[in-house]
């Protein structure tokens, strides 16, 4: 039986920006040179919220005071194990942003500039969904290599814009 790959991902919002991580520090990183939010893999017996809070603090030094589940993303690939990711946004936090994250470089990016960054194609889709939808969504993203070949939103093929 395959081990379940459970993760969290959070986009912390502040002054019209998202806190983004440029993944440039780890070798053999499937996200190498991409910009993503913060988060990571569940530890044994963690809930999604416990993972979110721990990973956010470890990677940023920030403690989340207010966060919202936005979606559940299923990543499927011919190269990697299937991953189930709990997608969050956070709009209140305290603490001091760390200067040296072992995962990558942290930077506040204006929301209107997000699509200028090297992002996964599927990430562009869920950014749009976070802008449009108020309810939690389920999104399945199927990749062949780095190419997104199938998108299913709430059980239905999705053909919306990712640009």
N, C-alpha and C. Protein backbone atom coordinates (compact mmCIF):
# COMPACT_ATOMS: atom_id res chain seq x y z
N UNK A 1 0.85 -1.19 0.00
CA UNK A 1 0.00 0.00 0.00
C UNK A 1 0.89 1.25 0.00
N UNK A 2 0.54 2.22 -0.79
CA UNK A 2 1.30 3.47 -0.85
C UNK A 2 1.05 4.32 0.38
N UNK A 3 2.09 4.99 0.82
CA UNK A 3 1.97 5.92 1.92
C UNK A 3 1.19 7.15 1.43
N UNK A 4 0.27 7.63 2.24
CA UNK A 4 -0.50 8.82 1.88
C UNK A 4 0.37 10.05 2.05
N UNK A 5 0.37 10.91 1.06
CA UNK A 5 1.16 12.13 1.09
C UNK A 5 0.22 13.29 1.39
N UNK A 6 0.20 13.74 2.64
CA UNK A 6 -0.68 14.82 3.08
C UNK A 6 0.15 16.06 3.39
N UNK A 7 -0.29 17.21 2.86
CA UNK A 7 0.43 18.46 3.08
C UNK A 7 -0.54 19.61 3.32
N UNK A 8 0.02 20.71 3.78
CA UNK A 8 -0.71 21.98 3.85
C UNK A 8 0.05 23.01 3.04
N UNK A 9 -0.68 24.02 2.58
CA UNK A 9 -0.08 25.16 1.89
C UNK A 9 -0.86 26.38 2.30
N UNK A 10 -0.15 27.45 2.66
CA UNK A 10 -0.82 28.66 3.13
C UNK A 10 -0.27 29.88 2.42
N UNK A 11 -1.19 30.75 2.04
CA UNK A 11 -0.84 32.06 1.49
C UNK A 11 -1.23 33.09 2.54
N UNK A 12 -0.22 33.67 3.17
CA UNK A 12 -0.43 34.68 4.20
C UNK A 12 -0.61 36.02 3.50
N UNK A 13 -1.70 36.71 3.82
CA UNK A 13 -2.04 37.99 3.17
C UNK A 13 -1.71 39.16 4.10
N UNK A 14 -1.16 40.23 3.49
CA UNK A 14 -0.87 41.45 4.25
C UNK A 14 -0.67 42.60 3.26
N UNK A 15 -1.42 43.67 3.45
CA UNK A 15 -1.29 44.88 2.62
C UNK A 15 -1.33 44.59 1.12
N UNK A 16 -2.27 43.75 0.68
CA UNK A 16 -2.42 43.46 -0.74
C UNK A 16 -1.36 42.52 -1.30
N UNK A 17 -0.62 41.87 -0.42
CA UNK A 17 0.44 40.96 -0.84
C UNK A 17 0.21 39.57 -0.27
N UNK A 18 0.84 38.59 -0.89
CA UNK A 18 0.96 37.25 -0.33
C UNK A 18 2.42 37.03 0.03
N UNK A 19 2.65 36.34 1.15
CA UNK A 19 4.01 35.93 1.49
C UNK A 19 4.33 34.69 0.65
N UNK A 20 5.35 34.80 -0.18
CA UNK A 20 5.72 33.73 -1.09
C UNK A 20 7.13 33.24 -0.76
N UNK A 21 7.36 31.98 -1.11
CA UNK A 21 8.67 31.39 -0.93
C UNK A 21 9.21 30.98 -2.30
N UNK A 22 10.39 31.50 -2.62
CA UNK A 22 11.09 31.11 -3.84
C UNK A 22 11.93 29.89 -3.49
N UNK A 23 11.57 28.74 -4.03
CA UNK A 23 12.21 27.48 -3.65
C UNK A 23 13.53 27.31 -4.39
N UNK A 24 14.60 27.76 -3.76
CA UNK A 24 15.92 27.72 -4.41
C UNK A 24 16.99 27.07 -3.55
N UNK A 25 16.66 26.59 -2.34
CA UNK A 25 17.70 26.14 -1.42
C UNK A 25 17.89 24.64 -1.32
N UNK A 26 16.88 23.85 -1.62
CA UNK A 26 16.99 22.41 -1.44
C UNK A 26 17.30 21.70 -2.76
N UNK A 27 18.15 20.68 -2.68
CA UNK A 27 18.43 19.85 -3.84
C UNK A 27 17.28 18.86 -4.01
N UNK A 28 17.04 18.43 -5.24
CA UNK A 28 16.00 17.45 -5.55
C UNK A 28 14.63 17.89 -5.05
N UNK A 29 14.33 19.16 -5.17
CA UNK A 29 13.06 19.74 -4.74
C UNK A 29 12.13 19.78 -5.95
N UNK A 30 10.95 19.14 -5.86
CA UNK A 30 10.05 19.16 -7.01
C UNK A 30 9.56 20.57 -7.31
N UNK A 31 9.66 21.46 -6.33
CA UNK A 31 9.26 22.85 -6.52
C UNK A 31 10.44 23.77 -6.84
N UNK A 32 11.59 23.19 -7.18
CA UNK A 32 12.79 24.01 -7.38
C UNK A 32 12.53 25.15 -8.38
N UNK A 33 12.91 26.34 -7.96
CA UNK A 33 12.81 27.60 -8.71
C UNK A 33 11.38 28.09 -8.91
N UNK A 34 10.41 27.42 -8.30
CA UNK A 34 9.02 27.90 -8.34
C UNK A 34 8.78 28.78 -7.11
N UNK A 35 7.75 29.59 -7.20
CA UNK A 35 7.29 30.39 -6.07
C UNK A 35 6.02 29.73 -5.55
N UNK A 36 6.00 29.45 -4.25
CA UNK A 36 4.83 28.83 -3.63
C UNK A 36 4.58 29.51 -2.29
N UNK A 37 3.50 29.12 -1.64
CA UNK A 37 3.23 29.59 -0.29
C UNK A 37 4.07 28.80 0.70
N UNK A 38 3.70 28.86 1.97
CA UNK A 38 4.43 28.14 3.01
C UNK A 38 3.60 26.95 3.48
N UNK A 39 4.27 25.95 3.98
CA UNK A 39 3.58 24.76 4.46
C UNK A 39 4.45 23.54 4.25
N UNK A 40 3.84 22.38 4.45
CA UNK A 40 4.62 21.17 4.28
C UNK A 40 3.86 19.94 4.69
N UNK A 41 4.61 18.87 4.92
CA UNK A 41 4.05 17.56 5.19
C UNK A 41 3.56 17.40 6.64
N UNK A 42 2.50 16.64 6.76
CA UNK A 42 1.97 16.30 8.08
C UNK A 42 2.98 15.45 8.84
N UNK A 43 3.04 15.65 10.15
CA UNK A 43 3.74 14.74 11.03
C UNK A 43 2.72 13.75 11.57
N UNK A 44 3.18 12.69 12.19
CA UNK A 44 2.31 11.63 12.69
C UNK A 44 1.19 12.18 13.58
N UNK A 45 -0.03 11.82 13.24
CA UNK A 45 -1.24 12.15 14.01
C UNK A 45 -1.60 13.64 14.02
N UNK A 46 -0.99 14.46 13.18
CA UNK A 46 -1.35 15.87 13.12
C UNK A 46 -2.65 16.06 12.36
N UNK A 47 -3.43 17.05 12.79
CA UNK A 47 -4.57 17.50 12.01
C UNK A 47 -4.06 18.49 10.96
N UNK A 48 -4.88 18.81 9.94
CA UNK A 48 -4.44 19.81 8.97
C UNK A 48 -4.08 21.14 9.64
N UNK A 49 -4.85 21.56 10.62
CA UNK A 49 -4.59 22.84 11.29
C UNK A 49 -3.30 22.80 12.09
N UNK A 50 -3.03 21.69 12.77
CA UNK A 50 -1.78 21.57 13.52
C UNK A 50 -0.58 21.61 12.58
N UNK A 51 -0.70 20.93 11.44
CA UNK A 51 0.38 20.96 10.44
C UNK A 51 0.57 22.38 9.92
N UNK A 52 -0.52 23.03 9.58
CA UNK A 52 -0.47 24.41 9.07
C UNK A 52 0.26 25.33 10.04
N UNK A 53 -0.14 25.30 11.30
CA UNK A 53 0.45 26.20 12.30
C UNK A 53 1.92 25.88 12.53
N UNK A 54 2.27 24.60 12.63
CA UNK A 54 3.66 24.21 12.86
C UNK A 54 4.53 24.59 11.67
N UNK A 55 4.11 24.20 10.47
CA UNK A 55 4.91 24.48 9.27
C UNK A 55 5.08 25.98 9.04
N UNK A 56 4.01 26.73 9.23
CA UNK A 56 4.09 28.19 9.04
C UNK A 56 5.10 28.79 10.00
N UNK A 57 5.03 28.38 11.26
CA UNK A 57 5.97 28.92 12.24
C UNK A 57 7.41 28.51 11.91
N UNK A 58 7.61 27.22 11.57
CA UNK A 58 8.97 26.74 11.27
C UNK A 58 9.57 27.48 10.07
N UNK A 59 8.77 27.74 9.05
CA UNK A 59 9.30 28.33 7.82
C UNK A 59 9.36 29.85 7.86
N UNK A 60 8.53 30.49 8.69
CA UNK A 60 8.45 31.96 8.64
C UNK A 60 8.74 32.65 9.96
N UNK A 61 8.56 31.95 11.08
CA UNK A 61 8.65 32.60 12.39
C UNK A 61 7.35 33.28 12.79
N UNK A 62 6.32 33.18 11.96
CA UNK A 62 5.04 33.83 12.23
C UNK A 62 4.05 32.85 12.84
N UNK A 63 3.22 33.37 13.75
CA UNK A 63 2.14 32.60 14.35
C UNK A 63 0.84 33.12 13.75
N UNK A 64 0.06 32.21 13.17
CA UNK A 64 -1.20 32.61 12.54
C UNK A 64 -2.28 32.82 13.60
N UNK A 65 -2.96 33.96 13.52
CA UNK A 65 -4.06 34.28 14.42
C UNK A 65 -5.42 34.04 13.77
N UNK A 66 -5.47 34.09 12.44
CA UNK A 66 -6.71 33.88 11.69
C UNK A 66 -6.37 33.25 10.35
N UNK A 67 -6.97 32.09 10.09
CA UNK A 67 -6.73 31.39 8.83
C UNK A 67 -8.02 30.71 8.39
N UNK A 68 -8.08 30.41 7.09
CA UNK A 68 -9.31 29.86 6.51
C UNK A 68 -8.96 28.77 5.51
N UNK A 69 -9.62 27.62 5.64
CA UNK A 69 -9.47 26.56 4.66
C UNK A 69 -10.14 27.01 3.37
N UNK A 70 -9.41 26.98 2.28
CA UNK A 70 -9.92 27.46 1.00
C UNK A 70 -10.20 26.33 0.03
N UNK A 71 -9.41 25.26 0.12
CA UNK A 71 -9.61 24.16 -0.80
C UNK A 71 -8.83 22.93 -0.41
N UNK A 72 -9.22 21.82 -1.03
CA UNK A 72 -8.47 20.58 -0.92
C UNK A 72 -8.03 20.24 -2.34
N UNK A 73 -6.72 20.13 -2.50
CA UNK A 73 -6.14 19.95 -3.83
C UNK A 73 -5.55 18.54 -3.90
N UNK A 74 -5.89 17.82 -4.96
CA UNK A 74 -5.30 16.52 -5.24
C UNK A 74 -4.34 16.70 -6.40
N UNK A 75 -3.06 16.46 -6.13
CA UNK A 75 -2.03 16.52 -7.18
C UNK A 75 -1.71 15.09 -7.60
N UNK A 76 -1.84 14.82 -8.88
CA UNK A 76 -1.53 13.52 -9.41
C UNK A 76 -0.49 13.71 -10.51
N UNK A 77 0.49 12.81 -10.57
CA UNK A 77 1.58 12.98 -11.53
C UNK A 77 2.12 11.63 -11.95
N UNK A 78 2.67 11.59 -13.16
CA UNK A 78 3.34 10.38 -13.61
C UNK A 78 4.75 10.28 -13.02
N UNK A 79 5.23 11.33 -12.35
CA UNK A 79 6.59 11.33 -11.79
C UNK A 79 6.62 11.27 -10.25
N UNK A 80 5.55 11.68 -9.61
CA UNK A 80 5.55 11.79 -8.15
C UNK A 80 4.34 11.10 -7.56
N UNK A 81 4.44 10.81 -6.29
CA UNK A 81 3.34 10.21 -5.55
C UNK A 81 2.17 11.19 -5.46
N UNK A 82 0.95 10.68 -5.50
CA UNK A 82 -0.23 11.54 -5.35
C UNK A 82 -0.17 12.26 -4.01
N UNK A 83 -0.53 13.53 -4.04
CA UNK A 83 -0.49 14.37 -2.85
C UNK A 83 -1.86 14.99 -2.63
N UNK A 84 -2.28 15.00 -1.37
CA UNK A 84 -3.52 15.66 -0.97
C UNK A 84 -3.13 16.86 -0.12
N UNK A 85 -3.46 18.05 -0.61
CA UNK A 85 -3.01 19.28 0.03
C UNK A 85 -4.21 20.09 0.53
N UNK A 86 -4.12 20.53 1.76
CA UNK A 86 -5.10 21.43 2.35
C UNK A 86 -4.61 22.86 2.13
N UNK A 87 -5.38 23.63 1.37
CA UNK A 87 -5.00 24.98 0.97
C UNK A 87 -5.66 26.00 1.88
N UNK A 88 -4.86 26.88 2.45
CA UNK A 88 -5.34 27.91 3.37
C UNK A 88 -4.90 29.30 2.94
N UNK A 89 -5.65 30.29 3.40
CA UNK A 89 -5.16 31.66 3.43
C UNK A 89 -5.19 32.10 4.89
N UNK A 90 -4.35 33.04 5.22
CA UNK A 90 -4.31 33.60 6.57
C UNK A 90 -4.31 35.11 6.45
N UNK A 91 -5.07 35.78 7.32
CA UNK A 91 -5.17 37.24 7.23
C UNK A 91 -4.80 37.96 8.52
N UNK A 92 -4.32 37.21 9.51
CA UNK A 92 -3.84 37.83 10.75
C UNK A 92 -2.75 36.94 11.34
N UNK A 93 -1.70 37.58 11.82
CA UNK A 93 -0.57 36.85 12.36
C UNK A 93 0.22 37.77 13.28
N UNK A 94 1.11 37.18 14.07
CA UNK A 94 2.05 37.97 14.86
C UNK A 94 3.40 37.25 14.85
N UNK A 95 4.42 37.97 15.24
CA UNK A 95 5.77 37.43 15.25
C UNK A 95 6.66 38.23 14.31
N UNK A 96 7.89 37.77 14.20
CA UNK A 96 8.87 38.42 13.34
C UNK A 96 9.27 37.47 12.23
N UNK A 97 9.16 37.93 11.01
CA UNK A 97 9.51 37.12 9.85
C UNK A 97 10.99 36.78 9.90
N UNK A 98 11.29 35.49 9.78
CA UNK A 98 12.70 35.08 9.82
C UNK A 98 13.41 35.52 8.54
N UNK A 99 14.70 35.72 8.67
CA UNK A 99 15.47 36.20 7.53
C UNK A 99 16.06 35.06 6.71
N UNK A 100 16.26 33.89 7.33
CA UNK A 100 16.90 32.79 6.63
C UNK A 100 16.09 31.52 6.78
N UNK A 101 15.24 31.25 5.81
CA UNK A 101 14.45 30.03 5.79
C UNK A 101 15.23 28.95 5.06
N UNK A 102 15.27 27.74 5.63
CA UNK A 102 16.04 26.64 5.02
C UNK A 102 15.40 26.11 3.74
N UNK A 103 14.12 26.44 3.50
CA UNK A 103 13.40 25.93 2.33
C UNK A 103 13.58 26.82 1.10
N UNK A 104 13.71 28.13 1.32
CA UNK A 104 13.79 29.06 0.20
C UNK A 104 13.83 30.49 0.70
N UNK A 105 13.66 31.42 -0.22
CA UNK A 105 13.69 32.84 0.11
C UNK A 105 12.25 33.36 0.23
N UNK A 106 11.95 34.03 1.35
CA UNK A 106 10.61 34.57 1.60
C UNK A 106 10.53 36.01 1.12
N UNK A 107 9.40 36.33 0.48
CA UNK A 107 9.22 37.69 -0.01
C UNK A 107 7.73 38.00 -0.12
N UNK A 108 7.35 39.23 0.25
CA UNK A 108 5.98 39.69 0.06
C UNK A 108 5.81 40.10 -1.40
N UNK A 109 4.83 39.51 -2.08
CA UNK A 109 4.58 39.78 -3.50
C UNK A 109 3.17 40.35 -3.63
N UNK A 110 3.04 41.49 -4.31
CA UNK A 110 1.72 42.06 -4.56
C UNK A 110 0.88 41.07 -5.35
N UNK A 111 -0.39 40.94 -4.97
CA UNK A 111 -1.28 39.98 -5.63
C UNK A 111 -1.36 40.19 -7.13
N UNK A 112 -1.34 41.45 -7.57
CA UNK A 112 -1.44 41.70 -9.02
C UNK A 112 -0.19 41.26 -9.77
N UNK A 113 0.92 40.99 -9.05
CA UNK A 113 2.16 40.56 -9.69
C UNK A 113 2.39 39.05 -9.62
N UNK A 114 1.46 38.33 -9.02
CA UNK A 114 1.65 36.89 -8.80
C UNK A 114 1.92 36.13 -10.10
N UNK A 115 1.18 36.45 -11.14
CA UNK A 115 1.26 35.66 -12.36
C UNK A 115 2.51 35.94 -13.18
N UNK A 116 3.33 36.89 -12.73
CA UNK A 116 4.62 37.16 -13.38
C UNK A 116 5.71 36.21 -12.86
N UNK A 117 5.41 35.51 -11.76
CA UNK A 117 6.38 34.60 -11.15
C UNK A 117 6.33 33.23 -11.81
N UNK A 118 7.43 32.47 -11.71
CA UNK A 118 7.36 31.08 -12.16
C UNK A 118 6.54 30.26 -11.16
N UNK A 119 5.30 29.96 -11.55
CA UNK A 119 4.36 29.20 -10.72
C UNK A 119 3.98 27.92 -11.46
N UNK A 120 3.53 26.93 -10.72
CA UNK A 120 2.90 25.78 -11.34
C UNK A 120 1.61 26.25 -12.02
N UNK A 121 1.26 25.64 -13.15
CA UNK A 121 0.03 26.01 -13.85
C UNK A 121 -1.19 25.81 -12.95
N UNK A 122 -1.20 24.74 -12.19
CA UNK A 122 -2.31 24.48 -11.28
C UNK A 122 -2.44 25.53 -10.19
N UNK A 123 -1.31 26.08 -9.73
CA UNK A 123 -1.35 27.13 -8.72
C UNK A 123 -2.07 28.36 -9.26
N UNK A 124 -1.85 28.66 -10.53
CA UNK A 124 -2.54 29.80 -11.14
C UNK A 124 -4.05 29.60 -11.10
N UNK A 125 -4.48 28.35 -11.29
CA UNK A 125 -5.91 28.06 -11.24
C UNK A 125 -6.44 28.26 -9.84
N UNK A 126 -5.76 27.73 -8.83
CA UNK A 126 -6.35 27.91 -7.49
C UNK A 126 -6.22 29.32 -6.97
N UNK A 127 -5.27 30.11 -7.47
CA UNK A 127 -5.29 31.54 -7.14
C UNK A 127 -6.56 32.20 -7.65
N UNK A 128 -6.93 31.89 -8.89
CA UNK A 128 -8.18 32.44 -9.45
C UNK A 128 -9.39 31.97 -8.67
N UNK A 129 -9.40 30.69 -8.30
CA UNK A 129 -10.52 30.17 -7.53
C UNK A 129 -10.62 30.83 -6.15
N UNK A 130 -9.48 31.10 -5.53
CA UNK A 130 -9.51 31.79 -4.23
C UNK A 130 -10.07 33.19 -4.38
N UNK A 131 -9.83 33.84 -5.52
CA UNK A 131 -10.40 35.17 -5.78
C UNK A 131 -11.91 35.09 -5.99
N UNK A 132 -12.38 34.03 -6.67
CA UNK A 132 -13.78 33.94 -7.10
C UNK A 132 -14.70 33.25 -6.10
N UNK A 133 -14.25 32.19 -5.48
CA UNK A 133 -15.12 31.34 -4.67
C UNK A 133 -15.02 31.68 -3.19
N UNK A 134 -16.15 31.70 -2.54
CA UNK A 134 -16.18 31.94 -1.10
C UNK A 134 -16.23 30.63 -0.31
N UNK A 135 -16.62 29.54 -1.00
CA UNK A 135 -16.72 28.26 -0.32
C UNK A 135 -15.47 27.43 -0.57
N UNK A 136 -15.29 26.40 0.23
CA UNK A 136 -14.17 25.49 0.07
C UNK A 136 -14.39 24.69 -1.21
N UNK A 137 -13.34 24.54 -2.00
CA UNK A 137 -13.44 23.80 -3.26
C UNK A 137 -12.51 22.59 -3.23
N UNK A 138 -12.82 21.65 -4.09
CA UNK A 138 -11.97 20.48 -4.31
C UNK A 138 -11.44 20.58 -5.73
N UNK A 139 -10.13 20.51 -5.88
CA UNK A 139 -9.50 20.67 -7.18
C UNK A 139 -8.52 19.52 -7.39
N UNK A 140 -8.68 18.80 -8.50
CA UNK A 140 -7.75 17.75 -8.87
C UNK A 140 -6.92 18.26 -10.04
N UNK A 141 -5.61 18.17 -9.88
CA UNK A 141 -4.67 18.61 -10.91
C UNK A 141 -3.82 17.41 -11.30
N UNK A 142 -3.85 17.04 -12.56
CA UNK A 142 -3.07 15.90 -13.04
C UNK A 142 -2.00 16.40 -13.99
N UNK A 143 -0.76 16.02 -13.67
CA UNK A 143 0.41 16.44 -14.45
C UNK A 143 1.06 15.25 -15.13
N UNK A 144 1.62 15.52 -16.31
CA UNK A 144 2.60 14.64 -16.94
C UNK A 144 3.87 15.46 -16.98
N UNK A 145 4.85 15.02 -16.21
CA UNK A 145 6.05 15.85 -16.03
C UNK A 145 5.63 17.16 -15.40
N UNK A 146 6.02 18.28 -16.01
CA UNK A 146 5.64 19.60 -15.51
C UNK A 146 4.42 20.17 -16.21
N UNK A 147 3.80 19.39 -17.08
CA UNK A 147 2.66 19.88 -17.87
C UNK A 147 1.34 19.45 -17.24
N UNK A 148 0.50 20.44 -16.98
CA UNK A 148 -0.84 20.19 -16.44
C UNK A 148 -1.71 19.66 -17.58
N UNK A 149 -2.26 18.45 -17.41
CA UNK A 149 -3.04 17.86 -18.51
C UNK A 149 -4.52 17.68 -18.16
N UNK A 150 -4.88 17.78 -16.88
CA UNK A 150 -6.28 17.62 -16.50
C UNK A 150 -6.56 18.41 -15.24
N UNK A 151 -7.72 19.07 -15.24
CA UNK A 151 -8.16 19.83 -14.08
C UNK A 151 -9.62 19.50 -13.81
N UNK A 152 -9.91 19.10 -12.59
CA UNK A 152 -11.28 18.77 -12.22
C UNK A 152 -11.64 19.59 -10.97
N UNK A 153 -12.69 20.38 -11.08
CA UNK A 153 -13.15 21.23 -9.98
C UNK A 153 -14.45 20.69 -9.44
N UNK A 154 -14.46 20.35 -8.17
CA UNK A 154 -15.66 19.84 -7.50
C UNK A 154 -16.30 18.71 -8.30
N UNK A 155 -15.47 17.81 -8.85
CA UNK A 155 -15.96 16.62 -9.55
C UNK A 155 -16.28 16.80 -11.02
N UNK A 156 -16.08 18.01 -11.56
CA UNK A 156 -16.43 18.31 -12.96
C UNK A 156 -15.21 18.84 -13.70
N UNK A 157 -14.97 18.38 -14.94
CA UNK A 157 -13.84 18.95 -15.71
C UNK A 157 -13.92 20.48 -15.72
N UNK A 158 -12.77 21.10 -15.51
CA UNK A 158 -12.70 22.57 -15.40
C UNK A 158 -11.91 23.11 -16.56
N UNK A 159 -12.47 24.10 -17.21
CA UNK A 159 -11.80 24.72 -18.36
C UNK A 159 -11.61 26.23 -18.14
N UNK A 160 -11.68 26.67 -16.89
CA UNK A 160 -11.54 28.09 -16.60
C UNK A 160 -10.14 28.58 -16.88
N UNK A 161 -9.98 29.88 -16.82
CA UNK A 161 -8.70 30.51 -17.11
C UNK A 161 -7.73 30.34 -15.96
N UNK A 162 -6.47 30.12 -16.28
CA UNK A 162 -5.41 30.09 -15.27
C UNK A 162 -4.44 31.23 -15.49
N UNK A 163 -4.81 32.20 -16.31
CA UNK A 163 -3.92 33.34 -16.60
C UNK A 163 -4.49 34.61 -16.03
